[in-house]
Amino acid sequence: MNDVRRGSGRHPFVVALAVLIFAQCALLAAATGYLVIELIIDTPDSYASAVALAVLTTIAAVWLAIIGVNVLRGSPWVRGATIVVQVLQIAVAIGAFQGSFARPDLGWLLLIPAVAALVLLFTSPVLAATVRRP
């Protein structure tokens, strides 16, 4: 059965990767909601920057949702897209560990799922599920 559970058709590692990506998507959607609420109830130093940040966060959440759906579909392009998103998340996590406003707790919350997603991405079942088919 190639380590696939009966009836599901997807290896648990593929499902785990999709769950991680959807969790990241949900957290970005929550961050978008927070940014929009803050934009409404507070006066930002720059409205243009605040709106741009909210729009970029929305785009990132939508992009993660698209990646998650296509992981479950087995699309081959999701490997590259997932690597890009996780590397960017690792870069933000590294930034959270340092500086005058360092937040190691947030750094670990960003770093651990990103590394887990990268590890899952390079497992044999996920690679096999996202291979280009003729």
C-alpha atoms as a PDB file:
ATOM      1  CA  MET A   1       0.000   0.000   0.000  1.00  0.00           C
ATOM      2  CA  ASN A   2       3.058   2.325  -0.064  1.00  0.00           C
ATOM      3  CA  ASP A   3       2.445   3.431   3.536  1.00  0.00           C
ATOM      4  CA  VAL A   4      -0.862   5.035   2.589  1.00  0.00           C
ATOM      5  CA  ARG A   5      -3.845   4.509   4.852  1.00  0.00           C
ATOM      6  CA  ARG A   6      -6.754   2.685   3.290  1.00  0.00           C
ATOM      7  CA  GLY A   7      -9.335   4.958   1.777  1.00  0.00           C
ATOM      8  CA  SER A   8      -7.516   8.254   2.297  1.00  0.00           C
ATOM      9  CA  GLY A   9      -5.213   8.110  -0.742  1.00  0.00           C
ATOM     10  CA  ARG A  10      -2.794  10.556   0.884  1.00  0.00           C
ATOM     11  CA  HIS A  11       0.224   9.763   2.965  1.00  0.00           C
ATOM     12  CA  PRO A  12       0.106  11.153   6.519  1.00  0.00           C
ATOM     13  CA  PHE A  13       3.197  13.275   5.794  1.00  0.00           C
ATOM     14  CA  VAL A  14       1.357  15.002   2.921  1.00  0.00           C
ATOM     15  CA  VAL A  15      -1.603  15.662   5.193  1.00  0.00           C
ATOM     16  CA  ALA A  16       0.720  16.906   7.964  1.00  0.00           C
ATOM     17  CA  LEU A  17       2.387  19.329   5.548  1.00  0.00           C
ATOM     18  CA  ALA A  18      -0.997  20.613   4.407  1.00  0.00           C
ATOM     19  CA  VAL A  19      -2.126  21.023   8.028  1.00  0.00           C
ATOM     20  CA  LEU A  20       1.021  23.025   8.848  1.00  0.00           C
ATOM     21  CA  ILE A  21       0.485  25.271   5.848  1.00  0.00           C
ATOM     22  CA  PHE A  22      -3.201  25.779   6.658  1.00  0.00           C
ATOM     23  CA  ALA A  23      -2.277  26.606  10.282  1.00  0.00           C
ATOM     24  CA  GLN A  24       0.176  29.230   9.036  1.00  0.00           C
ATOM     25  CA  CYS A  25      -2.571  30.544   6.759  1.00  0.00           C
ATOM     26  CA  ALA A  26      -5.025  30.780   9.663  1.00  0.00           C
ATOM     27  CA  LEU A  27      -2.516  32.664  11.800  1.00  0.00           C
ATOM     28  CA  LEU A  28      -1.809  35.097   8.971  1.00  0.00           C
ATOM     29  CA  ALA A  29      -5.557  35.606   8.516  1.00  0.00           C
ATOM     30  CA  ALA A  30      -5.817  36.360  12.246  1.00  0.00           C
ATOM     31  CA  ALA A  31      -2.894  38.789  11.938  1.00  0.00           C
ATOM     32  CA  THR A  32      -4.680  40.464   9.034  1.00  0.00           C
ATOM     33  CA  GLY A  33      -7.802  40.874  11.163  1.00  0.00           C
ATOM     34  CA  TYR A  34      -5.723  42.330  13.986  1.00  0.00           C
ATOM     35  CA  LEU A  35      -4.008  44.780  11.630  1.00  0.00           C
ATOM     36  CA  VAL A  36      -7.330  45.918  10.160  1.00  0.00           C
ATOM     37  CA  ILE A  37      -8.839  46.397  13.629  1.00  0.00           C
ATOM     38  CA  GLU A  38      -5.767  48.339  14.746  1.00  0.00           C
ATOM     39  CA  LEU A  39      -6.028  50.478  11.614  1.00  0.00           C
ATOM     40  CA  ILE A  40      -9.624  51.327  12.500  1.00  0.00           C
ATOM     41  CA  ILE A  41      -9.272  51.972  16.234  1.00  0.00           C
ATOM     42  CA  ASP A  42      -5.787  53.480  16.395  1.00  0.00           C
ATOM     43  CA  THR A  43      -4.028  56.289  14.560  1.00  0.00           C
ATOM     44  CA  PRO A  44      -0.971  54.932  12.765  1.00  0.00           C
ATOM     45  CA  ASP A  45       2.088  57.063  12.110  1.00  0.00           C
ATOM     46  CA  SER A  46       1.618  56.330   8.420  1.00  0.00           C
ATOM     47  CA  TYR A  47      -1.717  55.230   6.979  1.00  0.00           C
ATOM     48  CA  ALA A  48      -0.040  54.192   3.745  1.00  0.00           C
ATOM     49  CA  SER A  49       2.349  51.856   5.560  1.00  0.00           C
ATOM     50  CA  ALA A  50      -0.393  50.437   7.764  1.00  0.00           C
ATOM     51  CA  VAL A  51      -2.669  49.733   4.795  1.00  0.00           C
ATOM     52  CA  ALA A  52       0.211  48.266   2.785  1.00  0.00           C
ATOM     53  CA  LEU A  53       1.108  45.920   5.665  1.00  0.00           C
ATOM     54  CA  ALA A  54      -2.508  44.784   5.990  1.00  0.00           C
ATOM     55  CA  VAL A  55      -2.772  44.201   2.234  1.00  0.00           C
ATOM     56  CA  LEU A  56       0.502  42.245   2.101  1.00  0.00           C
ATOM     57  CA  THR A  57      -0.558  40.115   5.045  1.00  0.00           C
ATOM     58  CA  THR A  58      -3.856  39.379   3.296  1.00  0.00           C
ATOM     59  CA  ILE A  59      -2.060  38.403   0.090  1.00  0.00           C
ATOM     60  CA  ALA A  60       0.279  36.117   2.042  1.00  0.00           C
ATOM     61  CA  ALA A  61      -2.654  34.411   3.789  1.00  0.00           C
ATOM     62  CA  VAL A  62      -4.446  33.827   0.486  1.00  0.00           C
ATOM     63  CA  TRP A  63      -1.228  32.530  -1.098  1.00  0.00           C
ATOM     64  CA  LEU A  64      -0.735  30.060   1.771  1.00  0.00           C
ATOM     65  CA  ALA A  65      -4.321  28.840   1.348  1.00  0.00           C
ATOM     66  CA  ILE A  66      -3.652  28.237  -2.357  1.00  0.00           C
ATOM     67  CA  ILE A  67      -0.441  26.363  -1.524  1.00  0.00           C
ATOM     68  CA  GLY A  68      -2.218  24.225   1.090  1.00  0.00           C
ATOM     69  CA  VAL A  69      -4.987  23.207  -1.303  1.00  0.00           C
ATOM     70  CA  ASN A  70      -2.478  22.335  -3.992  1.00  0.00           C
ATOM     71  CA  VAL A  71      -0.361  20.276  -1.566  1.00  0.00           C
ATOM     72  CA  LEU A  72      -3.425  18.084  -1.127  1.00  0.00           C
ATOM     73  CA  ARG A  73      -3.890  17.967  -4.906  1.00  0.00           C
ATOM     74  CA  GLY A  74      -0.276  16.906  -5.390  1.00  0.00           C
ATOM     75  CA  SER A  75       0.732  19.807  -7.608  1.00  0.00           C
ATOM     76  CA  PRO A  76       4.481  19.800  -8.280  1.00  0.00           C
ATOM     77  CA  TRP A  77       4.920  23.587  -8.072  1.00  0.00           C
ATOM     78  CA  VAL A  78       4.070  23.638  -4.353  1.00  0.00           C
ATOM     79  CA  ARG A  79       7.553  22.446  -3.422  1.00  0.00           C
ATOM     80  CA  GLY A  80       9.174  25.667  -4.623  1.00  0.00           C
ATOM     81  CA  ALA A  81       6.411  27.856  -3.225  1.00  0.00           C
ATOM     82  CA  THR A  82       6.589  26.134   0.152  1.00  0.00           C
ATOM     83  CA  ILE A  83      10.362  26.524   0.309  1.00  0.00           C
ATOM     84  CA  VAL A  84      10.075  30.254  -0.388  1.00  0.00           C
ATOM     85  CA  VAL A  85       7.413  30.801   2.273  1.00  0.00           C
ATOM     86  CA  GLN A  86       9.272  28.776   4.898  1.00  0.00           C
ATOM     87  CA  VAL A  87      12.623  30.454   4.211  1.00  0.00           C
ATOM     88  CA  LEU A  88      10.954  33.856   4.555  1.00  0.00           C
ATOM     89  CA  GLN A  89       9.374  32.719   7.802  1.00  0.00           C
ATOM     90  CA  ILE A  90      12.763  31.514   9.070  1.00  0.00           C
ATOM     91  CA  ALA A  91      14.241  34.925   8.209  1.00  0.00           C
ATOM     92  CA  VAL A  92      11.524  36.659  10.230  1.00  0.00           C
ATOM     93  CA  ALA A  93      12.117  34.205  13.093  1.00  0.00           C
ATOM     94  CA  ILE A  94      15.838  34.969  13.101  1.00  0.00           C
ATOM     95  CA  GLY A  95      14.985  38.670  13.237  1.00  0.00           C
ATOM     96  CA  ALA A  96      12.724  38.016  16.218  1.00  0.00           C
ATOM     97  CA  PHE A  97      15.661  36.569  18.162  1.00  0.00           C
ATOM     98  CA  GLN A  98      17.789  39.701  17.947  1.00  0.00           C
ATOM     99  CA  GLY A  99      17.674  43.469  18.229  1.00  0.00           C
ATOM    100  CA  SER A 100      16.359  45.858  20.818  1.00  0.00           C
ATOM    101  CA  PHE A 101      12.798  44.520  20.418  1.00  0.00           C
ATOM    102  CA  ALA A 102      13.804  40.830  20.485  1.00  0.00           C
ATOM    103  CA  ARG A 103      10.997  38.340  21.095  1.00  0.00           C
ATOM    104  CA  PRO A 104      12.541  34.863  21.325  1.00  0.00           C
ATOM    105  CA  ASP A 105       9.145  33.362  22.150  1.00  0.00           C
ATOM    106  CA  LEU A 106       7.748  34.550  18.816  1.00  0.00           C
ATOM    107  CA  GLY A 107      10.960  33.523  17.100  1.00  0.00           C
ATOM    108  CA  TRP A 108      10.537  29.934  18.245  1.00  0.00           C
ATOM    109  CA  LEU A 109       6.838  29.965  17.289  1.00  0.00           C
ATOM    110  CA  LEU A 110       7.859  30.969  13.774  1.00  0.00           C
ATOM    111  CA  LEU A 111      10.969  28.815  13.469  1.00  0.00           C
ATOM    112  CA  ILE A 112       9.663  25.428  14.612  1.00  0.00           C
ATOM    113  CA  PRO A 113       6.757  25.082  12.122  1.00  0.00           C
ATOM    114  CA  ALA A 114       8.893  26.427   9.270  1.00  0.00           C
ATOM    115  CA  VAL A 115      11.622  23.861   9.900  1.00  0.00           C
ATOM    116  CA  ALA A 116       9.006  21.115  10.336  1.00  0.00           C
ATOM    117  CA  ALA A 117       7.408  22.047   7.001  1.00  0.00           C
ATOM    118  CA  LEU A 118      10.787  21.983   5.259  1.00  0.00           C
ATOM    119  CA  VAL A 119      11.602  18.576   6.743  1.00  0.00           C
ATOM    120  CA  LEU A 120       8.216  17.199   5.669  1.00  0.00           C
ATOM    121  CA  LEU A 121       8.638  18.702   2.224  1.00  0.00           C
ATOM    122  CA  PHE A 122      11.761  16.644   1.564  1.00  0.00           C
ATOM    123  CA  THR A 123      10.438  13.308   2.785  1.00  0.00           C
ATOM    124  CA  SER A 124      10.011  10.569   0.192  1.00  0.00           C
ATOM    125  CA  PRO A 125       6.188  10.372   0.461  1.00  0.00           C
ATOM    126  CA  VAL A 126       5.745  14.124  -0.067  1.00  0.00           C
ATOM    127  CA  LEU A 127       8.216  14.163  -2.940  1.00  0.00           C
ATOM    128  CA  ALA A 128       6.425  11.206  -4.519  1.00  0.00           C
ATOM    129  CA  ALA A 129       3.025  12.868  -4.072  1.00  0.00           C
ATOM    130  CA  THR A 130       4.159  16.112  -5.705  1.00  0.00           C
ATOM    131  CA  VAL A 131       6.114  14.705  -8.632  1.00  0.00           C
ATOM    132  CA  ARG A 132       5.306  15.954 -12.120  1.00  0.00           C
ATOM    133  CA  ARG A 133       3.165  13.361 -13.882  1.00  0.00           C
ATOM    134  CA  PRO A 134       3.291  12.848 -17.659  1.00  0.00           C
END
